[in-house]
């Protein structure tokens, strides 16, 4: 299992599954990150948090704690 947290800047991955439950999972789904969605990791902040990604044509900054529940391939 590989999570979005482990993806390096410049890589494009596809969402396999969202783990977890509750408001964090719902918020991530509301942002358009759902199964089979492509995510391009643009860059990470100097200390690694947040991570900037491109999803469905727009850019998001996500905390590492939140992206740890996103399983990718």
C-alpha atoms as a PDB file:
ATOM      1  CA  UNK A   1       0.000   0.000   0.000  1.00  0.00           C
ATOM      2  CA  UNK A   2       1.378   3.410  -1.006  1.00  0.00           C
ATOM      3  CA  UNK A   3      -0.139   6.641   0.240  1.00  0.00           C
ATOM      4  CA  UNK A   4      -0.098  10.111  -1.286  1.00  0.00           C
ATOM      5  CA  UNK A   5       2.218  11.130   1.556  1.00  0.00           C
ATOM      6  CA  UNK A   6       4.964   8.949   0.005  1.00  0.00           C
ATOM      7  CA  UNK A   7       4.709  10.406  -3.515  1.00  0.00           C
ATOM      8  CA  UNK A   8       7.543  12.686  -4.610  1.00  0.00           C
ATOM      9  CA  UNK A   9       7.013  16.061  -6.335  1.00  0.00           C
ATOM     10  CA  UNK A  10       6.676  15.720 -10.102  1.00  0.00           C
ATOM     11  CA  UNK A  11       4.850  12.377  -9.990  1.00  0.00           C
ATOM     12  CA  UNK A  12       1.318  11.710 -11.180  1.00  0.00           C
ATOM     13  CA  UNK A  13      -0.658   9.002  -9.376  1.00  0.00           C
ATOM     14  CA  UNK A  14      -4.191   7.606  -9.386  1.00  0.00           C
ATOM     15  CA  UNK A  15      -6.347   7.264  -6.255  1.00  0.00           C
ATOM     16  CA  UNK A  16      -7.115   3.652  -5.357  1.00  0.00           C
ATOM     17  CA  UNK A  17      -8.970   4.104  -2.063  1.00  0.00           C
ATOM     18  CA  UNK A  18      -9.682   6.566   0.721  1.00  0.00           C
ATOM     19  CA  UNK A  19      -9.118   5.127   4.189  1.00  0.00           C
ATOM     20  CA  UNK A  20     -10.519   6.488   7.412  1.00  0.00           C
ATOM     21  CA  UNK A  21     -13.927   7.917   8.168  1.00  0.00           C
ATOM     22  CA  UNK A  22     -15.616  11.019   9.425  1.00  0.00           C
ATOM     23  CA  UNK A  23     -15.174  14.667   8.561  1.00  0.00           C
ATOM     24  CA  UNK A  24     -11.610  14.402   7.199  1.00  0.00           C
ATOM     25  CA  UNK A  25     -12.585  11.766   4.624  1.00  0.00           C
ATOM     26  CA  UNK A  26     -15.710  13.718   3.652  1.00  0.00           C
ATOM     27  CA  UNK A  27     -13.731  16.951   3.244  1.00  0.00           C
ATOM     28  CA  UNK A  28     -11.204  15.225   0.980  1.00  0.00           C
ATOM     29  CA  UNK A  29     -14.008  13.772  -1.141  1.00  0.00           C
ATOM     30  CA  UNK A  30     -15.676  17.203  -1.335  1.00  0.00           C
ATOM     31  CA  UNK A  31     -12.421  18.579  -2.790  1.00  0.00           C
ATOM     32  CA  UNK A  32     -12.755  16.144  -5.704  1.00  0.00           C
ATOM     33  CA  UNK A  33     -10.336  13.486  -4.533  1.00  0.00           C
ATOM     34  CA  UNK A  34     -12.229  10.280  -5.183  1.00  0.00           C
ATOM     35  CA  UNK A  35     -11.417   6.814  -6.500  1.00  0.00           C
ATOM     36  CA  UNK A  36      -9.688   6.775  -9.940  1.00  0.00           C
ATOM     37  CA  UNK A  37      -8.882  10.507  -9.790  1.00  0.00           C
ATOM     38  CA  UNK A  38      -5.441  11.505 -11.097  1.00  0.00           C
ATOM     39  CA  UNK A  39      -3.321  13.634  -8.772  1.00  0.00           C
ATOM     40  CA  UNK A  40      -0.164  15.474  -9.797  1.00  0.00           C
ATOM     41  CA  UNK A  41       2.115  16.344  -6.882  1.00  0.00           C
ATOM     42  CA  UNK A  42       3.524  19.803  -7.688  1.00  0.00           C
ATOM     43  CA  UNK A  43       5.716  20.538  -4.684  1.00  0.00           C
ATOM     44  CA  UNK A  44       6.128  20.267  -0.932  1.00  0.00           C
ATOM     45  CA  UNK A  45       6.928  23.030   1.517  1.00  0.00           C
ATOM     46  CA  UNK A  46      10.533  23.177   2.804  1.00  0.00           C
ATOM     47  CA  UNK A  47       9.609  21.305   5.978  1.00  0.00           C
ATOM     48  CA  UNK A  48       7.367  18.905   4.037  1.00  0.00           C
ATOM     49  CA  UNK A  49       4.007  20.251   5.134  1.00  0.00           C
ATOM     50  CA  UNK A  50       1.776  21.233   3.289  1.00  0.00           C
ATOM     51  CA  UNK A  51       1.980  19.474  -0.062  1.00  0.00           C
ATOM     52  CA  UNK A  52       0.693  21.212  -3.187  1.00  0.00           C
ATOM     53  CA  UNK A  53      -1.205  18.965  -5.611  1.00  0.00           C
ATOM     54  CA  UNK A  54      -3.168  19.431  -8.814  1.00  0.00           C
ATOM     55  CA  UNK A  55      -6.535  17.659  -8.980  1.00  0.00           C
ATOM     56  CA  UNK A  56      -9.176  17.956 -11.735  1.00  0.00           C
ATOM     57  CA  UNK A  57      -7.592  21.119 -13.114  1.00  0.00           C
ATOM     58  CA  UNK A  58      -7.168  23.057  -9.879  1.00  0.00           C
ATOM     59  CA  UNK A  59      -4.492  23.267  -7.199  1.00  0.00           C
ATOM     60  CA  UNK A  60      -4.810  22.293  -3.549  1.00  0.00           C
ATOM     61  CA  UNK A  61      -2.535  22.511  -0.546  1.00  0.00           C
ATOM     62  CA  UNK A  62      -3.030  19.540   1.747  1.00  0.00           C
ATOM     63  CA  UNK A  63      -1.595  18.674   5.146  1.00  0.00           C
ATOM     64  CA  UNK A  64       0.438  15.488   5.394  1.00  0.00           C
ATOM     65  CA  UNK A  65      -1.872  14.254   8.141  1.00  0.00           C
ATOM     66  CA  UNK A  66      -4.779  14.441   5.684  1.00  0.00           C
ATOM     67  CA  UNK A  67      -3.065  12.865   2.678  1.00  0.00           C
ATOM     68  CA  UNK A  68      -1.957   9.862   4.704  1.00  0.00           C
ATOM     69  CA  UNK A  69      -5.445   8.336   4.233  1.00  0.00           C
ATOM     70  CA  UNK A  70      -5.267   8.502   0.410  1.00  0.00           C
ATOM     71  CA  UNK A  71      -4.054   5.218  -1.093  1.00  0.00           C
ATOM     72  CA  UNK A  72      -2.555   5.622  -4.580  1.00  0.00           C
ATOM     73  CA  UNK A  73      -0.865   3.599  -7.304  1.00  0.00           C
END
